[in-house]
Amino acid sequence: MTFNCSLETFVTSPLSFFTASKMFQASYNVILNYDSVLELILMDVQEFISNVGGQTAIIISLLAALWAICSNIITNKRIKTHKSKLQELTRIKKDSDYRKLELYKTVLKPLTDLTAKISEEGKLSLDDISQFDKERLEMSAQLALFASSDVFDKFTELVDYMYNSQELFSSIDEFEFEVFRVKMLKLLSEMRRDIGFHKDEITYKGYR
């Protein structure tokens, strides 16, 4: 677009003033497409200066005001967009942590139930092992899908120790509750880290 006019013509001619008003209205409407508004405004300013020179103080002032309005609108829209994205990421993180928490609670229930069945000699019955074995397959699949690799490794390490310490599995290791407790606490520590609750290691400081 080109504008060939003088300051006198602009001020005294209703038609020219009407045309200029339409131009400003159109420029303001462009604000809605804020991705390209800066480039368009710069082009308009350059075109004004090259075509009508120093006689356009009023127009330049209006463009400066329009520039300020554009900048404010662009900034507000970008802030709103970034805030919306941040809220969405926060929501996704909370949902993920909640799902993991529920998963870990589900996994720990069979483990604690099986632990309560361990006799003073550190033995489990075949029925206890068989029941837990069915749940173990599902727990392993769930952890492999949703848990961190560190949690999964500590889980398999704990389960392997429990199985290897039973006579029906050739008693590779002799069951010791203190060793079992350490492995269980390491699993819990990794679960806490994965959810983001705490990063420190849980240790047992009791005497039982």
C-alpha atoms as a PDB file:
ATOM      1  CA  MET A   1       0.000   0.000   0.000  1.00  0.00           C
ATOM      2  CA  THR A   2       1.242   3.550  -0.770  1.00  0.00           C
ATOM      3  CA  PHE A   3       0.013   6.872   0.579  1.00  0.00           C
ATOM      4  CA  ASN A   4       0.710  10.028  -1.514  1.00  0.00           C
ATOM      5  CA  CYS A   5      -0.577  12.934   0.511  1.00  0.00           C
ATOM      6  CA  SER A   6       0.510  16.077   2.289  1.00  0.00           C
ATOM      7  CA  LEU A   7      -0.181  17.063   5.880  1.00  0.00           C
ATOM      8  CA  GLU A   8      -2.552  19.806   4.616  1.00  0.00           C
ATOM      9  CA  THR A   9      -4.501  17.363   2.467  1.00  0.00           C
ATOM     10  CA  PHE A  10      -4.679  14.865   5.311  1.00  0.00           C
ATOM     11  CA  VAL A  11      -6.048  17.404   7.794  1.00  0.00           C
ATOM     12  CA  THR A  12      -8.497  19.230   5.439  1.00  0.00           C
ATOM     13  CA  SER A  13      -9.836  16.394   3.293  1.00  0.00           C
ATOM     14  CA  PRO A  14     -12.621  14.339   4.925  1.00  0.00           C
ATOM     15  CA  LEU A  15     -12.131  11.599   2.376  1.00  0.00           C
ATOM     16  CA  SER A  16      -8.402  11.331   3.130  1.00  0.00           C
ATOM     17  CA  PHE A  17      -9.101  11.353   6.847  1.00  0.00           C
ATOM     18  CA  PHE A  18     -11.732   8.647   6.359  1.00  0.00           C
ATOM     19  CA  THR A  19      -9.279   6.558   4.320  1.00  0.00           C
ATOM     20  CA  ALA A  20      -6.582   6.943   6.987  1.00  0.00           C
ATOM     21  CA  SER A  21      -9.068   5.965   9.691  1.00  0.00           C
ATOM     22  CA  LYS A  22      -9.914   2.830   7.772  1.00  0.00           C
ATOM     23  CA  MET A  23      -6.212   2.071   7.453  1.00  0.00           C
ATOM     24  CA  PHE A  24      -5.701   2.358  11.214  1.00  0.00           C
ATOM     25  CA  GLN A  25      -8.757   0.216  11.876  1.00  0.00           C
ATOM     26  CA  ALA A  26      -7.418  -2.464   9.531  1.00  0.00           C
ATOM     27  CA  SER A  27      -4.003  -2.293  11.169  1.00  0.00           C
ATOM     28  CA  TYR A  28      -5.553  -2.708  14.603  1.00  0.00           C
ATOM     29  CA  ASN A  29      -7.515  -5.733  13.436  1.00  0.00           C
ATOM     30  CA  VAL A  30      -4.256  -7.356  12.370  1.00  0.00           C
ATOM     31  CA  ILE A  31      -3.309  -7.488  16.080  1.00  0.00           C
ATOM     32  CA  LEU A  32      -5.443 -10.577  16.444  1.00  0.00           C
ATOM     33  CA  ASN A  33      -2.886 -12.437  14.363  1.00  0.00           C
ATOM     34  CA  TYR A  34      -0.016 -11.593  16.697  1.00  0.00           C
ATOM     35  CA  ASP A  35       2.490 -13.990  15.143  1.00  0.00           C
ATOM     36  CA  SER A  36       2.941 -11.652  12.144  1.00  0.00           C
ATOM     37  CA  VAL A  37       1.886  -8.314  13.575  1.00  0.00           C
ATOM     38  CA  LEU A  38       5.398  -7.003  14.303  1.00  0.00           C
ATOM     39  CA  GLU A  39       6.535  -7.611  10.756  1.00  0.00           C
ATOM     40  CA  LEU A  40       3.434  -5.940   9.314  1.00  0.00           C
ATOM     41  CA  ILE A  41       3.769  -2.870  11.516  1.00  0.00           C
ATOM     42  CA  LEU A  42       7.422  -2.425  10.620  1.00  0.00           C
ATOM     43  CA  MET A  43       6.520  -2.607   6.935  1.00  0.00           C
ATOM     44  CA  ASP A  44       3.785  -0.003   7.440  1.00  0.00           C
ATOM     45  CA  VAL A  45       6.133   2.377   9.238  1.00  0.00           C
ATOM     46  CA  GLN A  46       8.794   2.073   6.552  1.00  0.00           C
ATOM     47  CA  GLU A  47       6.195   2.627   3.842  1.00  0.00           C
ATOM     48  CA  PHE A  48       4.805   5.717   5.546  1.00  0.00           C
ATOM     49  CA  ILE A  49       8.210   7.295   5.958  1.00  0.00           C
ATOM     50  CA  SER A  50       9.346   6.538   2.409  1.00  0.00           C
ATOM     51  CA  ASN A  51       6.154   7.910   0.802  1.00  0.00           C
ATOM     52  CA  VAL A  52       5.152  10.943   2.823  1.00  0.00           C
ATOM     53  CA  GLY A  53       8.358  11.896   4.628  1.00  0.00           C
ATOM     54  CA  GLY A  54       8.412  14.300   7.558  1.00  0.00           C
ATOM     55  CA  GLN A  55       4.845  15.576   7.069  1.00  0.00           C
ATOM     56  CA  THR A  56       3.337  12.601   8.857  1.00  0.00           C
ATOM     57  CA  ALA A  57       4.022  13.421  12.503  1.00  0.00           C
ATOM     58  CA  ILE A  58       0.416  12.736  13.414  1.00  0.00           C
ATOM     59  CA  ILE A  59       0.387   9.413  11.595  1.00  0.00           C
ATOM     60  CA  ILE A  60       3.722   8.366  13.097  1.00  0.00           C
ATOM     61  CA  SER A  61       2.407   9.239  16.574  1.00  0.00           C
ATOM     62  CA  LEU A  62      -0.669   7.150  15.961  1.00  0.00           C
ATOM     63  CA  LEU A  63       1.489   4.293  14.731  1.00  0.00           C
ATOM     64  CA  ALA A  64       3.636   4.554  17.860  1.00  0.00           C
ATOM     65  CA  ALA A  65       0.509   4.284  19.978  1.00  0.00           C
ATOM     66  CA  LEU A  66      -0.629   1.340  17.893  1.00  0.00           C
ATOM     67  CA  TRP A  67       2.794  -0.262  18.359  1.00  0.00           C
ATOM     68  CA  ALA A  68       2.450   0.063  22.146  1.00  0.00           C
ATOM     69  CA  ILE A  69      -0.992  -1.533  22.033  1.00  0.00           C
ATOM     70  CA  CYS A  70       0.318  -4.359  19.843  1.00  0.00           C
ATOM     71  CA  SER A  71       3.266  -5.022  22.138  1.00  0.00           C
ATOM     72  CA  ASN A  72       1.020  -5.184  25.172  1.00  0.00           C
ATOM     73  CA  ILE A  73      -1.443  -7.538  23.503  1.00  0.00           C
ATOM     74  CA  ILE A  74       1.342  -9.772  22.166  1.00  0.00           C
ATOM     75  CA  THR A  75       3.013  -9.951  25.588  1.00  0.00           C
ATOM     76  CA  ASN A  76      -0.260 -10.770  27.354  1.00  0.00           C
ATOM     77  CA  LYS A  77      -1.133 -13.469  24.827  1.00  0.00           C
ATOM     78  CA  ARG A  78       2.275 -15.078  25.091  1.00  0.00           C
ATOM     79  CA  ILE A  79       2.160 -14.996  28.894  1.00  0.00           C
ATOM     80  CA  LYS A  80      -1.284 -16.576  28.796  1.00  0.00           C
ATOM     81  CA  THR A  81      -0.073 -19.255  26.357  1.00  0.00           C
ATOM     82  CA  HIS A  82       3.012 -20.105  28.427  1.00  0.00           C
ATOM     83  CA  LYS A  83       0.972 -20.154  31.635  1.00  0.00           C
ATOM     84  CA  SER A  84      -1.536 -22.511  30.032  1.00  0.00           C
ATOM     85  CA  LYS A  85       1.243 -24.843  28.864  1.00  0.00           C
ATOM     86  CA  LEU A  86       2.843 -24.794  32.323  1.00  0.00           C
ATOM     87  CA  GLN A  87      -0.477 -25.630  33.964  1.00  0.00           C
ATOM     88  CA  GLU A  88      -0.970 -28.515  31.540  1.00  0.00           C
ATOM     89  CA  LEU A  89       2.511 -29.901  32.249  1.00  0.00           C
ATOM     90  CA  THR A  90       1.898 -29.579  36.001  1.00  0.00           C
ATOM     91  CA  ARG A  91      -1.397 -31.423  35.666  1.00  0.00           C
ATOM     92  CA  ILE A  92       0.222 -34.219  33.648  1.00  0.00           C
ATOM     93  CA  LYS A  93       3.003 -34.536  36.244  1.00  0.00           C
ATOM     94  CA  LYS A  94       0.495 -34.734  39.100  1.00  0.00           C
ATOM     95  CA  ASP A  95      -1.575 -37.340  37.252  1.00  0.00           C
ATOM     96  CA  SER A  96       1.551 -39.392  36.557  1.00  0.00           C
ATOM     97  CA  ASP A  97       2.686 -39.227  40.190  1.00  0.00           C
ATOM     98  CA  TYR A  98      -0.782 -40.200  41.405  1.00  0.00           C
ATOM     99  CA  ARG A  99      -0.903 -43.218  39.068  1.00  0.00           C
ATOM    100  CA  LYS A 100       2.536 -44.322  40.247  1.00  0.00           C
ATOM    101  CA  LEU A 101       1.518 -43.932  43.884  1.00  0.00           C
ATOM    102  CA  GLU A 102      -1.550 -46.096  43.344  1.00  0.00           C
ATOM    103  CA  LEU A 103       0.540 -48.638  41.451  1.00  0.00           C
ATOM    104  CA  TYR A 104       3.138 -48.861  44.212  1.00  0.00           C
ATOM    105  CA  LYS A 105       0.439 -49.267  46.858  1.00  0.00           C
ATOM    106  CA  THR A 106      -0.996 -52.130  44.788  1.00  0.00           C
ATOM    107  CA  VAL A 107       2.429 -53.753  44.446  1.00  0.00           C
ATOM    108  CA  LEU A 108       3.323 -53.439  48.135  1.00  0.00           C
ATOM    109  CA  LYS A 109       0.132 -55.106  49.388  1.00  0.00           C
ATOM    110  CA  PRO A 110       0.993 -58.650  48.159  1.00  0.00           C
ATOM    111  CA  LEU A 111       4.597 -58.173  49.283  1.00  0.00           C
ATOM    112  CA  THR A 112       3.636 -57.207  52.822  1.00  0.00           C
ATOM    113  CA  ASP A 113       1.045 -59.994  52.984  1.00  0.00           C
ATOM    114  CA  LEU A 114       3.666 -62.532  51.913  1.00  0.00           C
ATOM    115  CA  THR A 115       6.182 -61.143  54.386  1.00  0.00           C
ATOM    116  CA  ALA A 116       3.685 -61.621  57.229  1.00  0.00           C
ATOM    117  CA  LYS A 117       3.445 -65.306  56.323  1.00  0.00           C
ATOM    118  CA  ILE A 118       7.164 -65.969  56.633  1.00  0.00           C
ATOM    119  CA  SER A 119       7.730 -68.277  59.574  1.00  0.00           C
ATOM    120  CA  GLU A 120      10.350 -67.808  62.267  1.00  0.00           C
ATOM    121  CA  GLU A 121      12.540 -70.188  60.297  1.00  0.00           C
ATOM    122  CA  GLY A 122      12.233 -67.902  57.269  1.00  0.00           C
ATOM    123  CA  LYS A 123      10.101 -70.380  55.343  1.00  0.00           C
ATOM    124  CA  LEU A 124       7.042 -70.026  53.156  1.00  0.00           C
ATOM    125  CA  SER A 125       4.540 -72.708  52.252  1.00  0.00           C
ATOM    126  CA  LEU A 126       4.064 -73.890  48.692  1.00  0.00           C
ATOM    127  CA  ASP A 127       0.525 -72.438  48.718  1.00  0.00           C
ATOM    128  CA  ASP A 128       1.854 -69.051  49.757  1.00  0.00           C
ATOM    129  CA  ILE A 129       4.421 -69.102  46.977  1.00  0.00           C
ATOM    130  CA  SER A 130       1.875 -70.213  44.374  1.00  0.00           C
ATOM    131  CA  GLN A 131      -0.583 -67.472  45.312  1.00  0.00           C
ATOM    132  CA  PHE A 132       2.085 -64.804  45.236  1.00  0.00           C
ATOM    133  CA  ASP A 133       3.435 -66.106  41.930  1.00  0.00           C
ATOM    134  CA  LYS A 134       0.177 -65.264  40.156  1.00  0.00           C
ATOM    135  CA  GLU A 135       0.247 -61.728  41.508  1.00  0.00           C
ATOM    136  CA  ARG A 136       3.965 -61.347  40.809  1.00  0.00           C
ATOM    137  CA  LEU A 137       3.497 -61.700  37.046  1.00  0.00           C
ATOM    138  CA  GLU A 138       0.953 -58.877  36.979  1.00  0.00           C
ATOM    139  CA  MET A 139       3.053 -56.710  39.294  1.00  0.00           C
ATOM    140  CA  SER A 140       6.139 -57.201  37.142  1.00  0.00           C
ATOM    141  CA  ALA A 141       4.251 -56.207  33.992  1.00  0.00           C
ATOM    142  CA  GLN A 142       2.787 -53.088  35.637  1.00  0.00           C
ATOM    143  CA  LEU A 143       6.163 -51.994  37.003  1.00  0.00           C
ATOM    144  CA  ALA A 144       7.871 -52.616  33.673  1.00  0.00           C
ATOM    145  CA  LEU A 145       5.336 -50.338  31.975  1.00  0.00           C
ATOM    146  CA  PHE A 146       5.029 -47.467  34.446  1.00  0.00           C
ATOM    147  CA  ALA A 147       7.820 -47.566  37.033  1.00  0.00           C
ATOM    148  CA  SER A 148      11.397 -46.408  36.705  1.00  0.00           C
ATOM    149  CA  SER A 149      14.034 -49.003  35.871  1.00  0.00           C
ATOM    150  CA  ASP A 150      15.542 -48.531  39.340  1.00  0.00           C
ATOM    151  CA  VAL A 151      12.250 -49.455  41.002  1.00  0.00           C
ATOM    152  CA  PHE A 152      11.840 -52.482  38.756  1.00  0.00           C
ATOM    153  CA  ASP A 153      15.399 -53.652  39.504  1.00  0.00           C
ATOM    154  CA  LYS A 154      14.909 -53.384  43.279  1.00  0.00           C
ATOM    155  CA  PHE A 155      11.601 -55.224  43.020  1.00  0.00           C
ATOM    156  CA  THR A 156      13.086 -58.156  41.089  1.00  0.00           C
ATOM    157  CA  GLU A 157      16.076 -58.242  43.444  1.00  0.00           C
ATOM    158  CA  LEU A 158      13.762 -58.531  46.451  1.00  0.00           C
ATOM    159  CA  VAL A 159      11.550 -61.192  44.868  1.00  0.00           C
ATOM    160  CA  ASP A 160      14.549 -63.212  43.687  1.00  0.00           C
ATOM    161  CA  TYR A 161      15.963 -63.199  47.200  1.00  0.00           C
ATOM    162  CA  MET A 162      12.661 -64.454  48.628  1.00  0.00           C
ATOM    163  CA  TYR A 163      12.434 -67.262  46.090  1.00  0.00           C
ATOM    164  CA  ASN A 164      16.084 -68.267  46.267  1.00  0.00           C
ATOM    165  CA  SER A 165      15.942 -68.588  50.051  1.00  0.00           C
ATOM    166  CA  GLN A 166      13.210 -71.258  49.978  1.00  0.00           C
ATOM    167  CA  GLU A 167      14.047 -74.969  50.047  1.00  0.00           C
ATOM    168  CA  LEU A 168      11.704 -75.797  47.173  1.00  0.00           C
ATOM    169  CA  PHE A 169      13.939 -73.584  44.988  1.00  0.00           C
ATOM    170  CA  SER A 170      17.146 -75.386  46.046  1.00  0.00           C
ATOM    171  CA  SER A 171      17.748 -72.816  48.828  1.00  0.00           C
ATOM    172  CA  ILE A 172      20.413 -70.865  46.955  1.00  0.00           C
ATOM    173  CA  ASP A 173      20.456 -68.309  49.786  1.00  0.00           C
ATOM    174  CA  GLU A 174      19.603 -68.819  53.408  1.00  0.00           C
ATOM    175  CA  PHE A 175      16.778 -66.496  54.345  1.00  0.00           C
ATOM    176  CA  GLU A 176      17.708 -63.744  56.781  1.00  0.00           C
ATOM    177  CA  PHE A 177      15.051 -61.265  57.757  1.00  0.00           C
ATOM    178  CA  GLU A 178      17.615 -58.468  58.218  1.00  0.00           C
ATOM    179  CA  VAL A 179      18.750 -58.897  54.612  1.00  0.00           C
ATOM    180  CA  PHE A 180      15.153 -59.034  53.427  1.00  0.00           C
ATOM    181  CA  ARG A 181      14.342 -55.829  55.349  1.00  0.00           C
ATOM    182  CA  VAL A 182      17.259 -53.959  53.775  1.00  0.00           C
ATOM    183  CA  LYS A 183      16.137 -54.993  50.294  1.00  0.00           C
ATOM    184  CA  MET A 184      12.556 -53.988  51.034  1.00  0.00           C
ATOM    185  CA  LEU A 185      13.636 -50.555  52.281  1.00  0.00           C
ATOM    186  CA  LYS A 186      15.764 -50.045  49.170  1.00  0.00           C
ATOM    187  CA  LEU A 187      12.685 -50.761  47.069  1.00  0.00           C
ATOM    188  CA  LEU A 188      10.644 -48.255  49.082  1.00  0.00           C
ATOM    189  CA  SER A 189      13.396 -45.655  48.750  1.00  0.00           C
ATOM    190  CA  GLU A 190      13.398 -45.997  44.966  1.00  0.00           C
ATOM    191  CA  MET A 191       9.605 -45.693  44.900  1.00  0.00           C
ATOM    192  CA  ARG A 192       9.764 -42.472  46.911  1.00  0.00           C
ATOM    193  CA  ARG A 193      12.415 -41.053  44.598  1.00  0.00           C
ATOM    194  CA  ASP A 194      10.444 -42.005  41.508  1.00  0.00           C
ATOM    195  CA  ILE A 195       7.311 -40.232  42.748  1.00  0.00           C
ATOM    196  CA  GLY A 196       9.320 -37.250  43.934  1.00  0.00           C
ATOM    197  CA  PHE A 197       8.465 -37.427  47.619  1.00  0.00           C
ATOM    198  CA  HIS A 198      12.010 -37.709  49.001  1.00  0.00           C
ATOM    199  CA  LYS A 199      15.480 -38.412  47.647  1.00  0.00           C
ATOM    200  CA  ASP A 200      17.107 -39.781  50.781  1.00  0.00           C
ATOM    201  CA  GLU A 201      17.629 -43.473  51.534  1.00  0.00           C
ATOM    202  CA  ILE A 202      15.419 -45.179  54.113  1.00  0.00           C
ATOM    203  CA  THR A 203      17.334 -47.141  56.760  1.00  0.00           C
ATOM    204  CA  TYR A 204      16.059 -49.138  59.707  1.00  0.00           C
ATOM    205  CA  LYS A 205      17.344 -47.881  63.060  1.00  0.00           C
ATOM    206  CA  GLY A 206      15.216 -50.050  65.323  1.00  0.00           C
ATOM    207  CA  TYR A 207      16.156 -53.116  67.380  1.00  0.00           C
ATOM    208  CA  ARG A 208      13.533 -55.662  66.305  1.00  0.00           C
END
